[in-house]
Amino acid sequence: MAKIAVALKDAVEQRATNGAPGRVAQRILAQGKGWSVADVVCTHGPHDRSYEEQHYAYLIAIVVAGSFQYRGSRRRELMTPGSFVLGGYGQSFECGHEHHMGDRCLAFSFSPDYFQQVAADTGNARAEFPTLRLPPMRAFSHLAARACAGLMEPGGVPWEEIGLQLAGDTMQFVKSGDLSFSQDGAPLSSEARVTRVLRMIERHICDGLDVKIENLALEAGLSPYHFLRTFERVTGTSPHQYIVRMRLREAAIRLVAEPERILDIALDCGFGDVSNFNRAFRAEFAMSPRAYRKA
C-alpha cells in the first residue's frame, strides 16, 4: 500500500505547488458490458466545499490510500485504507475531507441490470446495501490485496473476474446480516482524532511504527481506554487488527508484484519475526506466503 499511496502524495503536492483547487481524477482501467473499474484520485481538502451527488450505478470502491467522510442515508462514515465504500443506484451522497487532504480509491461500478442479477444469484431479494461501508476485514482481505496488486500492474489483470467476485461476496455478506461493526456516526471531533492516528499509521506502517495503545492514544490526545473505544467506533475494527491487516495487505501486494525474498518482504512490512508473519498471513489468506505468490 505504501507504493500505491505515492500517487496520492504526488497529486496532493502538485496541487499545493500549483495553487489549484481540489479535483477528482478518474482513470478507467477496464470496462465491459455492465461493469467498469477505475483508479480514482481525489485531492480535495478541509477548505474545499462538498456537494451532494448521486450514484448512477452500483458502486463498491476499495479505499487504497487517504481517508474521507462519506455521507448518505442520514449516516456518516469515515472511510479508511482497506475499507469498502458501498453506493446504491440512485443514492444521494456527499464526500468530505474535513480532517485531511486527499484519498485514492479503486472503484468498481455496475449497471442496475448487472448488479441485480448478481444479487439474485446470491439469494438476495433486493439489490441494496444496508450500510455505507465495510471495514477492513478478513473475509475480503484476499480480494482487496488482489485488486491492489492489479493497480500496481494493471496489464493482464482479470478485472471483470475480480469485480464479479467482489460484488457477489459483498451481497453474500450483506445477506448474512452480520453488521455488528455498523454504528451511528462518531462525532466530528472523534473522527478528527482518529484520522490523525490513521494518517500517522499510513505514513509509518512499514518503518518500525510503535503500535502500543498508549502511544497511539497520545497522538490522538485521548486516554488509552477512550482511544480504543473511539477507534473501534470510527473504523469498525481494533487498532491492532487494523495495523496487522494493513501490513498483511502490503505484504500480499508485494508478494505478487515484486521478486524480493519472503523474509525481506516480511521484515520490510513491519514483522520482526518471519514465523509470526507466516502464521498471521496464513490466518488472513488461508495459505502460506509462498503458496500465495505461486497462486
Protein backbone atom coordinates (compact mmCIF):
# COMPACT_ATOMS: atom_id res chain seq x y z
CA MET A 1 0.00 0.00 0.00
CA ALA A 2 2.96 2.31 0.60
CA LYS A 3 3.81 2.49 -3.11
CA ILE A 4 0.14 2.92 -4.02
CA ALA A 5 -0.04 5.92 -1.68
CA VAL A 6 2.75 7.65 -3.63
CA ALA A 7 0.38 8.63 -6.46
CA LEU A 8 -1.91 10.37 -3.95
CA LYS A 9 1.04 12.11 -2.27
CA ASP A 10 2.30 13.37 -5.63
CA ALA A 11 -1.15 14.63 -6.65
CA VAL A 12 -1.62 16.50 -3.36
CA GLU A 13 1.86 18.05 -3.61
CA GLN A 14 1.19 19.05 -7.22
CA ARG A 15 -2.00 20.80 -6.14
CA ALA A 16 -0.13 22.70 -3.42
CA THR A 17 2.61 23.74 -5.88
CA ASN A 18 0.16 24.98 -8.49
CA GLY A 19 -2.31 26.51 -6.05
CA ALA A 20 -5.05 24.67 -7.92
CA PRO A 21 -8.45 23.75 -6.46
CA GLY A 22 -9.15 20.19 -5.39
CA ARG A 23 -10.24 17.81 -8.10
CA VAL A 24 -11.19 14.20 -8.72
CA ALA A 25 -9.17 12.42 -11.43
CA GLN A 26 -10.56 9.16 -12.74
CA ARG A 27 -8.63 6.69 -14.91
CA ILE A 28 -10.61 3.80 -16.37
CA LEU A 29 -8.60 0.59 -16.01
CA ALA A 30 -11.05 -1.75 -17.71
CA GLN A 31 -14.72 -1.96 -18.65
CA GLY A 32 -17.22 -4.28 -20.23
CA LYS A 33 -20.96 -4.80 -20.61
CA GLY A 34 -22.49 -3.57 -17.35
CA TRP A 35 -19.27 -3.02 -15.39
CA SER A 36 -16.16 -0.86 -15.15
CA VAL A 37 -13.24 -0.33 -12.80
CA ALA A 38 -11.42 2.96 -12.30
CA ASP A 39 -8.46 4.35 -10.40
CA VAL A 40 -9.82 7.47 -8.66
CA VAL A 41 -7.52 10.06 -7.04
CA CYS A 42 -9.11 12.94 -5.10
CA THR A 43 -7.14 16.00 -3.91
CA HIS A 44 -9.92 17.75 -2.00
CA GLY A 45 -9.09 19.01 1.47
CA PRO A 46 -10.59 20.72 4.52
CA HIS A 47 -11.14 24.03 2.71
CA ASP A 48 -12.98 22.55 -0.27
CA ARG A 49 -16.74 22.63 -0.23
CA SER A 50 -18.55 19.29 -0.52
CA TYR A 51 -21.55 18.90 -2.81
CA GLU A 52 -24.41 16.45 -2.83
CA GLU A 53 -24.01 13.96 -5.66
CA GLN A 54 -25.83 10.85 -6.83
CA HIS A 55 -24.68 7.37 -7.75
CA TYR A 56 -25.71 6.49 -11.30
CA ALA A 57 -24.57 2.89 -10.87
CA TYR A 58 -23.96 0.46 -8.03
CA LEU A 59 -20.55 1.18 -6.53
CA ILE A 60 -18.09 -0.88 -4.49
CA ALA A 61 -14.86 1.07 -4.00
CA ILE A 62 -11.76 -0.09 -2.14
CA VAL A 63 -10.02 2.75 -0.32
CA VAL A 64 -6.31 2.25 -1.01
CA ALA A 65 -4.87 5.47 0.46
CA GLY A 66 -6.01 8.51 2.43
CA SER A 67 -9.32 8.93 4.20
CA PHE A 68 -12.57 10.84 3.82
CA GLN A 69 -16.08 11.22 5.23
CA TYR A 70 -18.86 9.57 3.26
CA ARG A 71 -22.41 10.73 3.95
CA GLY A 72 -25.63 9.17 2.79
CA SER A 73 -28.92 7.79 4.05
CA ARG A 74 -28.72 10.09 7.08
CA ARG A 75 -25.47 8.42 8.15
CA ARG A 76 -21.82 9.39 8.04
CA GLU A 77 -18.84 7.03 7.98
CA LEU A 78 -15.09 7.61 7.96
CA MET A 79 -13.53 5.71 5.06
CA THR A 80 -10.01 4.43 5.70
CA PRO A 81 -7.46 2.33 3.76
CA GLY A 82 -8.79 -1.20 3.38
CA SER A 83 -12.44 -0.26 3.86
CA PHE A 84 -15.09 -0.66 1.14
CA VAL A 85 -17.35 2.19 0.09
CA LEU A 86 -20.85 0.96 -0.81
CA GLY A 87 -23.14 3.03 -3.02
CA GLY A 88 -26.58 2.06 -4.25
CA TYR A 89 -28.04 3.04 -7.61
CA GLY A 90 -29.76 6.43 -7.31
CA GLN A 91 -28.40 7.02 -3.79
CA SER A 92 -27.51 10.61 -2.87
CA PHE A 93 -24.19 11.12 -1.10
CA GLU A 94 -21.50 13.60 -0.12
CA CYS A 95 -17.77 13.13 0.33
CA GLY A 96 -15.83 15.42 2.66
CA HIS A 97 -12.24 15.88 3.80
CA GLU A 98 -12.69 17.90 6.98
CA HIS A 99 -9.63 16.45 8.70
CA HIS A 100 -7.04 15.88 5.98
CA MET A 101 -6.41 16.16 2.25
CA GLY A 102 -6.89 13.55 -0.42
CA ASP A 103 -7.74 9.90 -0.99
CA ARG A 104 -7.31 7.22 -3.61
CA CYS A 105 -9.86 4.50 -4.40
CA LEU A 106 -10.21 1.56 -6.75
CA ALA A 107 -13.83 1.92 -7.83
CA PHE A 108 -15.91 -0.91 -9.32
CA SER A 109 -19.17 0.26 -10.92
CA PHE A 110 -22.05 -1.96 -12.03
CA SER A 111 -25.15 -1.19 -14.07
CA PRO A 112 -28.52 -1.84 -12.36
CA ASP A 113 -29.26 -4.91 -14.52
CA TYR A 114 -25.80 -6.40 -13.95
CA PHE A 115 -25.83 -5.90 -10.20
CA GLN A 116 -29.42 -7.00 -9.72
CA GLN A 117 -28.56 -10.28 -11.44
CA VAL A 118 -25.62 -10.75 -9.04
CA ALA A 119 -27.94 -10.03 -6.10
CA ALA A 120 -30.47 -12.59 -7.35
CA ASP A 121 -27.74 -15.20 -7.92
CA THR A 122 -26.58 -14.78 -4.30
CA GLY A 123 -30.10 -15.20 -2.92
CA ASN A 124 -30.88 -11.54 -2.21
CA ALA A 125 -34.40 -10.46 -3.00
CA ARG A 126 -33.30 -6.83 -3.35
CA ALA A 127 -30.12 -5.25 -4.67
CA GLU A 128 -29.39 -2.81 -1.87
CA PHE A 129 -26.76 -2.06 0.75
CA PRO A 130 -27.94 -1.72 4.38
CA THR A 131 -24.67 0.04 5.31
CA LEU A 132 -22.41 2.65 3.73
CA ARG A 133 -19.16 0.75 4.24
CA LEU A 134 -17.44 -2.47 5.13
CA PRO A 135 -14.41 -2.02 7.41
CA PRO A 136 -11.14 -3.88 6.76
CA MET A 137 -12.00 -7.50 7.49
CA ARG A 138 -10.53 -10.94 6.90
CA ALA A 139 -13.35 -12.08 4.62
CA PHE A 140 -12.30 -9.53 2.00
CA SER A 141 -8.53 -9.37 2.53
CA HIS A 142 -7.71 -11.61 -0.44
CA LEU A 143 -9.85 -9.62 -2.87
CA ALA A 144 -8.53 -6.27 -1.61
CA ALA A 145 -4.92 -7.40 -1.92
CA ARG A 146 -5.52 -8.92 -5.36
CA ALA A 147 -7.16 -5.74 -6.63
CA CYS A 148 -4.42 -3.50 -5.20
CA ALA A 149 -1.72 -5.68 -6.79
CA GLY A 150 -3.53 -5.17 -10.08
CA LEU A 151 -3.47 -1.43 -9.51
CA MET A 152 0.34 -1.58 -9.48
CA GLU A 153 0.49 -3.78 -12.61
CA PRO A 154 -2.87 -3.27 -14.41
CA GLY A 155 -1.96 -5.05 -17.64
CA GLY A 156 -3.44 -8.54 -17.95
CA VAL A 157 -5.44 -8.32 -14.71
CA PRO A 158 -8.81 -10.18 -14.85
CA TRP A 159 -10.72 -7.12 -13.67
CA GLU A 160 -14.18 -8.45 -14.52
CA GLU A 161 -13.49 -11.62 -12.54
CA ILE A 162 -12.32 -9.58 -9.53
CA GLY A 163 -15.28 -7.21 -9.77
CA LEU A 164 -17.81 -10.03 -10.12
CA GLN A 165 -16.38 -11.86 -7.12
CA LEU A 166 -16.32 -8.62 -5.14
CA ALA A 167 -19.98 -7.92 -5.93
CA GLY A 168 -21.02 -11.49 -5.14
CA ASP A 169 -19.08 -11.73 -1.89
CA THR A 170 -20.41 -8.35 -0.77
CA MET A 171 -24.02 -9.36 -1.40
CA GLN A 172 -23.49 -12.72 0.34
CA PHE A 173 -22.05 -10.89 3.33
CA VAL A 174 -25.00 -8.49 3.33
CA LYS A 175 -27.37 -11.47 3.24
CA SER A 176 -25.69 -12.91 6.34
CA GLY A 177 -26.88 -9.88 8.30
CA ASP A 178 -23.62 -9.62 10.27
CA LEU A 179 -23.40 -5.84 10.57
CA SER A 180 -22.21 -5.72 14.17
CA PHE A 181 -19.48 -3.26 13.13
CA SER A 182 -22.07 -0.73 11.92
CA GLN A 183 -22.66 2.01 14.48
CA ASP A 184 -24.01 5.52 14.48
CA GLY A 185 -21.53 8.03 13.05
CA ALA A 186 -18.99 9.27 15.58
CA PRO A 187 -18.73 12.99 16.40
CA LEU A 188 -16.52 15.03 14.08
CA SER A 189 -14.10 15.69 16.92
CA SER A 190 -13.61 11.93 17.37
CA GLU A 191 -13.17 11.44 13.63
CA ALA A 192 -10.51 14.16 13.58
CA ARG A 193 -8.54 12.49 16.39
CA VAL A 194 -8.73 9.04 14.81
CA THR A 195 -7.89 10.43 11.35
CA ARG A 196 -4.71 11.93 12.77
CA VAL A 197 -3.69 8.48 14.02
CA LEU A 198 -4.70 6.76 10.77
CA ARG A 199 -2.58 9.11 8.70
CA MET A 200 0.37 8.51 11.02
CA ILE A 201 -0.11 4.75 10.65
CA GLU A 202 -0.29 5.07 6.88
CA ARG A 203 2.94 7.10 6.75
CA HIS A 204 4.91 4.79 9.03
CA ILE A 205 3.24 1.39 8.71
CA CYS A 206 6.41 -0.29 7.43
CA ASP A 207 9.16 1.63 9.22
CA GLY A 208 9.07 0.49 12.83
CA LEU A 209 5.92 2.29 13.97
CA ASP A 210 5.42 1.86 17.72
CA VAL A 211 1.90 0.42 17.84
CA LYS A 212 1.41 0.42 21.59
CA ILE A 213 -2.03 1.68 22.56
CA GLU A 214 -0.62 4.36 24.86
CA ASN A 215 1.48 5.86 22.04
CA LEU A 216 -1.40 5.89 19.56
CA ALA A 217 -3.67 7.36 22.24
CA LEU A 218 -1.11 10.10 22.89
CA GLU A 219 -1.19 11.04 19.18
CA ALA A 220 -4.99 11.20 19.37
CA GLY A 221 -4.98 13.20 22.61
CA LEU A 222 -7.13 10.63 24.41
CA SER A 223 -6.72 8.26 27.32
CA PRO A 224 -5.91 4.68 26.20
CA TYR A 225 -9.38 3.43 27.14
CA HIS A 226 -11.24 6.20 25.32
CA PHE A 227 -8.91 5.91 22.32
CA LEU A 228 -9.61 2.20 21.98
CA ARG A 229 -13.38 2.71 22.12
CA THR A 230 -13.26 5.69 19.75
CA PHE A 231 -11.01 3.94 17.22
CA GLU A 232 -13.27 0.89 17.08
CA ARG A 233 -16.37 3.05 16.74
CA VAL A 234 -14.90 5.10 13.89
CA THR A 235 -13.10 2.38 11.91
CA GLY A 236 -15.12 -0.74 12.76
CA THR A 237 -12.03 -2.61 13.95
CA SER A 238 -9.45 -2.51 16.74
CA PRO A 239 -6.09 -0.69 16.35
CA HIS A 240 -4.19 -3.98 16.46
CA GLN A 241 -6.38 -5.64 13.84
CA TYR A 242 -6.23 -2.54 11.64
CA ILE A 243 -2.42 -2.33 11.70
CA VAL A 244 -1.79 -6.07 11.24
CA ARG A 245 -4.30 -6.25 8.39
CA MET A 246 -2.72 -3.22 6.69
CA ARG A 247 0.76 -4.77 6.94
CA LEU A 248 -0.52 -8.09 5.60
CA ARG A 249 -2.17 -6.37 2.60
CA GLU A 250 1.10 -4.60 1.86
CA ALA A 251 2.97 -7.92 2.06
CA ALA A 252 0.43 -9.69 -0.17
CA ILE A 253 0.68 -6.96 -2.81
CA ARG A 254 4.47 -7.14 -2.80
CA LEU A 255 4.49 -10.93 -3.00
CA VAL A 256 2.61 -10.65 -6.29
CA ALA A 257 4.27 -7.56 -7.74
CA GLU A 258 7.90 -7.86 -6.58
CA PRO A 259 10.58 -10.58 -6.70
CA GLU A 260 12.11 -9.99 -3.24
CA ARG A 261 12.55 -12.84 -0.81
CA ILE A 262 9.64 -13.56 1.52
CA LEU A 263 11.87 -12.90 4.51
CA ASP A 264 12.80 -9.44 3.22
CA ILE A 265 9.17 -8.56 2.48
CA ALA A 266 8.11 -9.68 5.96
CA LEU A 267 10.76 -7.52 7.62
CA ASP A 268 10.06 -4.54 5.34
CA CYS A 269 6.35 -4.73 6.20
CA GLY A 270 6.96 -4.42 9.93
CA PHE A 271 7.05 -8.06 11.02
CA GLY A 272 10.04 -8.64 13.26
CA ASP A 273 9.84 -12.41 13.05
CA VAL A 274 9.18 -14.42 9.90
CA SER A 275 7.42 -17.22 11.79
CA ASN A 276 4.92 -14.72 13.20
CA PHE A 277 4.47 -13.32 9.71
CA ASN A 278 3.81 -16.79 8.27
CA ARG A 279 1.21 -17.56 10.95
CA ALA A 280 -0.56 -14.23 10.53
CA PHE A 281 -0.50 -14.48 6.73
CA ARG A 282 -1.92 -18.00 6.73
CA ALA A 283 -4.69 -16.96 9.12
CA GLU A 284 -5.60 -13.98 6.92
CA PHE A 285 -5.35 -15.53 3.46
CA ALA A 286 -5.79 -19.26 4.20
CA MET A 287 -2.46 -20.13 2.58
CA SER A 288 1.24 -19.60 3.16
CA PRO A 289 3.08 -16.61 1.64
CA ARG A 290 4.90 -18.99 -0.71
CA ALA A 291 1.66 -20.57 -1.91
CA TYR A 292 0.06 -17.15 -2.30
CA ARG A 293 2.90 -15.98 -4.51
CA LYS A 294 2.66 -19.09 -6.70
CA ALA A 295 -1.11 -18.84 -6.98
